[in-house]
Every structure is written in C-alpha cells, then in structure tokens.
C-alpha cells in the first residue's frame, strides 16, 4: 500500500494507492479516513488501480474550506484526479463518500465511468427531510453548539464532549467485553482514535453539508451505470429499504443488499463489498 500527496487548488490531498488496472476512486465515510478502505483495496488491487484519498478536513489532508458543499468536494476530487493524471475513473463512496460520488457523477459525467454507492439505510434515505432526521439521531452529539463565554468556557465544554467521544472509542465495549482481546483489535481502535482526532474540527461542518445535500435531485442527474449497496441492520428496519427507491431515481441502476452490515462494513464486510463492486465494474468486460 503506497501513500502520497497531491496538490489541488483547494489544498493538499493525502492518499493511499494500491493495485493495477482501471482507476477506482474510493471515498470514505465520516468520521474516518482513507485508512478505512485498506481491506477493500487489498481485495480489489488485482483488478483495479485503487486510490483512496483523505477528503479535505480528514486524515492528513488540508482543512475543509469554510462554507464548502458536497459539490465543492466533488469538484475537488476532479482536481485530485487531474493531479494524478487520471482523466476518468470509477468511483465508490461509503456514507459521506456516496454523496460526493453521486455529486461527481452528476456534475462531472466526463470524469466518472461507473459509481458504487454504499451505505447503511440511514445514509441512503431518499427523502431529504427523513434522511436528515435519521442522520441527526446518530450524530446529534457532534452538533451541539455551546453559548460563547468571554472566559472560553464554551471551548472547554466542547473539548470535554470530544474527549467523551474519544473515550467511547478507546474503551469500545464491543472490543473490551469480547471473549478474547487481540492486539489487532486494539490497533484498529487506535487507528480510529487517530482518525477522530484528525477530523474533530471538521465533523460538525461535514454533517451540516450532508444535511444540505439533495440526494434525490442529484441521483436524477446521474447517467452512468450505478450500483447501490445497501447495508441493512435490524435497528434501521423502521426506515424501510431505500435501495429500491434509489433505483427508481437512477437511469441505469443495480442493487445489492447486505444484511447485518453496519458502520464497520468496509472492514467486516470488505470481501462482500469488493465482490459486488468488482462484478458490477467488470460487467461486460473480459475477466
């Protein structure tokens, strides 16, 4: 797995690269970074030139510009492809990444070959109002605004809230109460802690950008073949399956549903996502 930096008009982009073949751009979720795609890149590297950037404000890339939108991040990714000398690429996005991928396909069709839009059900809800409500139930802890005080007390309260979130990752019950604690599991938690610290100043802004994004209107403008991978969890059954609704908005869409796939899907279900993406991206080509 190689790493590098690319200069764009919006700032430097740090990225991971692996494999050979047609370019495949992988766009990560919030609050993660390109590290989260390492398992999928290892699966797909034999067929594709996988490139996973840290989007602006995340990982080791430069900060998010003030008042940025998903469309701005989509434009930045075209500049990133320019910097790497790539004219056209497939794009796979998970959660926040699926919004950027859809925006790229809609606004820059000459740069995107096929799209793979991956997400848990709450991330794929077609109705903007309902999706915003579903996402807010998950990210509310990041959106708290503290009343400014002259002594900086509001900053301390925000600092304490961030520490509480970090402690929840460090002492993740799913890891600590397991039958056996492994060094590999603790290393994954360590990586998550680092990612959270790197993006803590961008989380509130990026979720506000999610709330301002009209997924339905964007999907109606996508002309490229698109695969929707809906990750279903029992606790999101009340939201209803969203993949079929997305297909009704896409001109050339396909759907794969993964049961019991959650926030860790890019790791725990890497093989399933890679298999579905590879079949779709290679469809109609010699294997």
Protein backbone atom coordinates (compact mmCIF):
# COMPACT_ATOMS: atom_id res chain seq x y z
CA UNK A 1 0.00 0.00 0.00
CA UNK A 2 1.60 3.24 -1.15
CA UNK A 3 0.88 6.74 0.11
CA UNK A 4 1.37 10.18 -1.34
CA UNK A 5 0.23 13.80 -1.58
CA UNK A 6 -1.39 15.61 -4.47
CA UNK A 7 -1.69 19.38 -4.88
CA UNK A 8 -5.13 20.76 -5.75
CA UNK A 9 -6.42 24.35 -5.88
CA UNK A 10 -8.31 23.66 -2.63
CA UNK A 11 -5.30 22.23 -0.76
CA UNK A 12 -3.08 19.20 -0.46
CA UNK A 13 -4.75 15.79 -0.56
CA UNK A 14 -3.17 12.80 1.16
CA UNK A 15 -3.99 9.44 -0.39
CA UNK A 16 -3.40 5.69 -0.33
CA UNK A 17 -2.89 3.74 -3.57
CA UNK A 18 -2.77 0.04 -4.35
CA UNK A 19 -3.08 -2.25 -7.36
CA UNK A 20 -3.19 -2.08 -11.14
CA UNK A 21 -5.91 -1.67 -13.73
CA UNK A 22 -8.67 0.82 -14.32
CA UNK A 23 -8.65 3.68 -11.78
CA UNK A 24 -11.07 3.27 -8.89
CA UNK A 25 -11.53 6.25 -6.57
CA UNK A 26 -12.72 5.31 -3.05
CA UNK A 27 -14.34 8.00 -0.88
CA UNK A 28 -14.60 7.37 2.85
CA UNK A 29 -17.25 7.88 5.50
CA UNK A 30 -17.31 10.36 8.38
CA UNK A 31 -15.51 10.37 10.82
CA UNK A 32 -12.96 8.12 9.11
CA UNK A 33 -10.19 8.48 6.53
CA UNK A 34 -8.67 6.59 3.60
CA UNK A 35 -7.35 4.04 6.13
CA UNK A 36 -10.84 2.57 6.35
CA UNK A 37 -10.60 1.30 2.76
CA UNK A 38 -7.39 -0.73 3.21
CA UNK A 39 -9.25 -4.12 3.43
CA UNK A 40 -11.29 -3.40 0.29
CA UNK A 41 -8.25 -2.12 -1.59
CA UNK A 42 -6.40 -5.35 -0.86
CA UNK A 43 -9.37 -7.27 -2.27
CA UNK A 44 -9.65 -5.16 -5.43
CA UNK A 45 -6.00 -4.37 -6.12
CA UNK A 46 -5.62 -7.29 -8.51
CA UNK A 47 -8.19 -5.80 -10.88
CA UNK A 48 -8.13 -2.04 -10.25
CA UNK A 49 -5.77 0.81 -9.51
CA UNK A 50 -7.36 1.70 -6.17
CA UNK A 51 -6.89 5.27 -4.95
CA UNK A 52 -8.35 6.33 -1.61
CA UNK A 53 -7.89 10.00 -0.65
CA UNK A 54 -8.44 11.62 2.71
CA UNK A 55 -11.10 14.16 1.80
CA UNK A 56 -10.39 17.75 2.83
CA UNK A 57 -10.65 18.12 6.61
CA UNK A 58 -9.91 14.44 7.27
CA UNK A 59 -6.86 12.26 7.75
CA UNK A 60 -3.68 14.04 6.66
CA UNK A 61 -5.28 16.26 4.01
CA UNK A 62 -5.61 20.04 4.34
CA UNK A 63 -8.58 21.55 6.23
CA UNK A 64 -12.09 21.84 4.86
CA UNK A 65 -12.69 25.24 3.24
CA UNK A 66 -15.25 27.41 5.02
CA UNK A 67 -18.78 27.13 3.58
CA UNK A 68 -17.83 24.11 1.46
CA UNK A 69 -20.59 21.96 -0.04
CA UNK A 70 -20.70 18.38 -1.34
CA UNK A 71 -20.49 19.85 -4.82
CA UNK A 72 -17.27 21.61 -3.81
CA UNK A 73 -15.79 18.33 -2.58
CA UNK A 74 -16.87 16.65 -5.82
CA UNK A 75 -15.05 19.38 -7.78
CA UNK A 76 -12.01 18.94 -5.54
CA UNK A 77 -11.94 15.24 -6.40
CA UNK A 78 -11.81 16.08 -10.11
CA UNK A 79 -8.85 18.33 -9.35
CA UNK A 80 -7.31 15.45 -7.40
CA UNK A 81 -7.72 13.17 -10.44
CA UNK A 82 -6.10 15.91 -12.56
CA UNK A 83 -3.11 15.98 -10.22
CA UNK A 84 -2.67 12.21 -10.67
CA UNK A 85 -3.06 12.43 -14.44
CA UNK A 86 -6.32 10.44 -14.42
CA UNK A 87 -8.96 11.51 -16.90
CA UNK A 88 -11.74 9.15 -15.92
CA UNK A 89 -12.32 6.75 -13.02
CA UNK A 90 -14.89 4.54 -11.37
CA UNK A 91 -15.99 5.98 -8.01
CA UNK A 92 -17.05 4.08 -4.89
CA UNK A 93 -18.28 6.00 -1.86
CA UNK A 94 -19.39 4.94 1.63
CA UNK A 95 -21.78 7.14 3.66
CA UNK A 96 -20.49 10.74 3.19
CA UNK A 97 -18.45 9.33 0.32
CA UNK A 98 -21.58 8.20 -1.51
CA UNK A 99 -22.82 11.82 -1.54
CA UNK A 100 -19.54 13.05 -3.03
CA UNK A 101 -19.55 10.18 -5.55
CA UNK A 102 -23.12 10.98 -6.66
CA UNK A 103 -22.28 14.69 -6.92
CA UNK A 104 -19.22 13.86 -9.05
CA UNK A 105 -21.23 11.64 -11.39
CA UNK A 106 -23.99 14.25 -11.76
CA UNK A 107 -21.84 17.37 -12.21
CA UNK A 108 -18.75 15.89 -13.89
CA UNK A 109 -20.03 13.00 -16.04
CA UNK A 110 -16.94 13.01 -18.26
CA UNK A 111 -14.77 12.12 -15.24
CA UNK A 112 -16.81 9.21 -13.84
CA UNK A 113 -17.23 5.83 -15.56
CA UNK A 114 -19.40 3.93 -13.04
CA UNK A 115 -20.44 4.65 -9.48
CA UNK A 116 -20.87 2.36 -6.48
CA UNK A 117 -22.94 3.99 -3.73
CA UNK A 118 -22.54 2.13 -0.43
CA UNK A 119 -24.25 2.93 2.83
CA UNK A 120 -26.33 1.84 5.76
CA UNK A 121 -30.02 2.53 5.25
CA UNK A 122 -29.98 5.87 7.11
CA UNK A 123 -27.35 7.14 4.68
CA UNK A 124 -29.45 6.21 1.63
CA UNK A 125 -32.88 7.54 2.65
CA UNK A 126 -34.18 9.23 -0.48
CA UNK A 127 -36.37 11.84 1.25
CA UNK A 128 -34.07 14.67 2.33
CA UNK A 129 -36.23 15.50 5.35
CA UNK A 130 -36.38 11.88 6.52
CA UNK A 131 -32.67 11.28 5.86
CA UNK A 132 -31.68 14.39 7.79
CA UNK A 133 -33.78 13.22 10.75
CA UNK A 134 -32.31 9.71 10.61
CA UNK A 135 -28.73 11.02 10.45
CA UNK A 136 -29.33 13.60 13.20
CA UNK A 137 -30.40 10.82 15.57
CA UNK A 138 -26.92 9.35 15.11
CA UNK A 139 -24.73 12.48 15.00
CA UNK A 140 -26.55 14.77 17.46
CA UNK A 141 -23.64 14.54 19.91
CA UNK A 142 -21.39 16.23 17.33
CA UNK A 143 -23.81 19.08 16.55
CA UNK A 144 -24.13 20.67 20.00
CA UNK A 145 -23.46 24.43 19.96
CA UNK A 146 -22.30 25.92 23.27
CA UNK A 147 -23.08 29.54 24.09
CA UNK A 148 -19.95 31.64 23.81
CA UNK A 149 -18.48 32.87 27.06
CA UNK A 150 -15.73 35.52 27.48
CA UNK A 151 -13.54 33.18 29.54
CA UNK A 152 -13.54 30.46 26.87
CA UNK A 153 -15.70 28.11 28.91
CA UNK A 154 -17.60 27.10 25.76
CA UNK A 155 -14.35 25.83 24.30
CA UNK A 156 -13.69 23.72 27.39
CA UNK A 157 -17.19 22.22 27.21
CA UNK A 158 -16.66 21.33 23.54
CA UNK A 159 -13.22 19.90 24.40
CA UNK A 160 -14.76 17.75 27.15
CA UNK A 161 -17.51 16.50 24.80
CA UNK A 162 -14.90 15.50 22.23
CA UNK A 163 -12.91 13.67 24.91
CA UNK A 164 -16.04 11.77 25.89
CA UNK A 165 -16.49 10.64 22.27
CA UNK A 166 -12.86 9.60 22.07
CA UNK A 167 -13.09 7.64 25.32
CA UNK A 168 -16.03 5.72 23.87
CA UNK A 169 -13.80 4.56 21.03
CA UNK A 170 -10.81 3.76 23.26
CA UNK A 171 -12.95 1.67 25.61
CA UNK A 172 -15.31 0.26 22.97
CA UNK A 173 -17.49 -2.32 24.82
CA UNK A 174 -17.68 -4.48 21.70
CA UNK A 175 -13.91 -4.94 21.94
CA UNK A 176 -13.41 -4.90 25.70
CA UNK A 177 -16.14 -7.42 26.51
CA UNK A 178 -15.21 -9.88 23.78
CA UNK A 179 -14.25 -13.45 24.63
CA UNK A 180 -10.68 -12.62 23.62
CA UNK A 181 -8.98 -9.26 23.20
CA UNK A 182 -6.40 -9.21 20.43
CA UNK A 183 -3.62 -6.80 19.58
CA UNK A 184 -5.11 -6.41 16.08
CA UNK A 185 -8.43 -5.25 17.55
CA UNK A 186 -6.67 -2.71 19.77
CA UNK A 187 -4.66 -1.46 16.80
CA UNK A 188 -7.93 -0.87 14.93
CA UNK A 189 -9.24 1.13 17.88
CA UNK A 190 -6.00 3.10 17.99
CA UNK A 191 -6.41 3.93 14.30
CA UNK A 192 -10.00 5.07 14.92
CA UNK A 193 -8.80 7.34 17.73
CA UNK A 194 -6.24 8.93 15.43
CA UNK A 195 -8.86 9.46 12.72
CA UNK A 196 -11.22 11.13 15.20
CA UNK A 197 -8.52 13.49 16.45
CA UNK A 198 -7.52 14.39 12.89
CA UNK A 199 -11.06 15.32 11.86
CA UNK A 200 -12.59 16.65 15.09
CA UNK A 201 -12.71 20.22 13.74
CA UNK A 202 -14.45 19.08 10.54
CA UNK A 203 -17.16 16.75 11.85
CA UNK A 204 -19.80 19.39 12.56
CA UNK A 205 -19.23 21.07 9.19
CA UNK A 206 -19.30 17.87 7.15
CA UNK A 207 -22.57 16.74 8.73
CA UNK A 208 -24.08 20.17 8.05
CA UNK A 209 -23.02 19.61 4.42
CA UNK A 210 -24.80 16.23 4.50
CA UNK A 211 -27.98 17.94 5.69
CA UNK A 212 -27.71 20.45 2.85
CA UNK A 213 -27.35 17.78 0.14
CA UNK A 214 -30.32 16.82 -2.03
CA UNK A 215 -29.67 13.16 -2.85
CA UNK A 216 -32.86 12.63 -4.87
CA UNK A 217 -32.25 15.59 -7.18
CA UNK A 218 -28.64 14.52 -7.63
CA UNK A 219 -29.47 10.89 -8.49
CA UNK A 220 -31.91 12.05 -11.15
CA UNK A 221 -28.97 13.70 -12.94
CA UNK A 222 -26.70 10.64 -12.84
CA UNK A 223 -26.42 9.00 -16.26
CA UNK A 224 -23.64 6.49 -15.54
CA UNK A 225 -24.31 2.87 -14.56
CA UNK A 226 -24.61 2.87 -10.77
CA UNK A 227 -24.61 0.12 -8.17
CA UNK A 228 -26.32 0.71 -4.83
CA UNK A 229 -25.08 -1.46 -1.97
CA UNK A 230 -27.49 -1.08 0.93
CA UNK A 231 -26.16 -2.23 4.31
CA UNK A 232 -29.14 -3.33 6.42
CA UNK A 233 -29.20 -3.53 10.21
CA UNK A 234 -32.14 -4.66 12.39
CA UNK A 235 -32.20 -1.33 14.25
CA UNK A 236 -32.88 0.50 10.98
CA UNK A 237 -35.78 -1.68 9.81
CA UNK A 238 -38.21 1.14 10.66
CA UNK A 239 -36.66 3.27 7.91
CA UNK A 240 -37.69 0.81 5.22
CA UNK A 241 -35.49 -0.46 2.39
CA UNK A 242 -34.09 2.51 0.45
CA UNK A 243 -32.19 0.74 -2.33
CA UNK A 244 -35.31 0.12 -4.47
CA UNK A 245 -36.28 3.78 -4.08
CA UNK A 246 -32.84 4.86 -5.25
CA UNK A 247 -33.13 2.63 -8.31
CA UNK A 248 -36.31 4.45 -9.33
CA UNK A 249 -34.29 7.68 -9.47
CA UNK A 250 -31.28 6.24 -11.31
CA UNK A 251 -31.45 5.73 -15.07
CA UNK A 252 -29.07 2.75 -15.04
CA UNK A 253 -29.06 1.26 -11.57
CA UNK A 254 -28.46 -2.09 -9.87
CA UNK A 255 -28.90 -3.11 -6.24
CA UNK A 256 -27.14 -5.41 -3.78
CA UNK A 257 -28.36 -5.74 -0.20
CA UNK A 258 -26.03 -6.82 2.62
CA UNK A 259 -27.74 -7.94 5.81
CA UNK A 260 -26.20 -7.21 9.20
CA UNK A 261 -23.68 -4.78 7.72
CA UNK A 262 -23.06 -1.72 9.88
CA UNK A 263 -20.67 1.17 10.38
CA UNK A 264 -17.68 -1.19 10.12
CA UNK A 265 -18.81 -2.62 6.76
CA UNK A 266 -15.66 -1.51 4.90
CA UNK A 267 -13.72 -3.77 7.26
CA UNK A 268 -16.08 -6.53 8.44
CA UNK A 269 -17.78 -6.93 5.04
CA UNK A 270 -14.85 -5.92 2.82
CA UNK A 271 -14.96 -9.16 0.83
CA UNK A 272 -18.70 -8.84 0.14
CA UNK A 273 -18.45 -5.19 -0.93
CA UNK A 274 -15.38 -5.89 -3.08
CA UNK A 275 -17.06 -8.88 -4.74
CA UNK A 276 -20.22 -6.95 -5.60
CA UNK A 277 -18.29 -3.90 -6.79
CA UNK A 278 -15.89 -5.96 -8.92
CA UNK A 279 -18.70 -7.85 -10.67
CA UNK A 280 -20.52 -4.62 -11.43
CA UNK A 281 -17.47 -2.65 -12.58
CA UNK A 282 -16.21 -5.52 -14.78
CA UNK A 283 -19.62 -6.34 -16.24
CA UNK A 284 -19.40 -6.55 -20.00
CA UNK A 285 -15.60 -6.80 -19.98
CA UNK A 286 -13.28 -9.73 -20.29
CA UNK A 287 -12.39 -11.12 -16.87
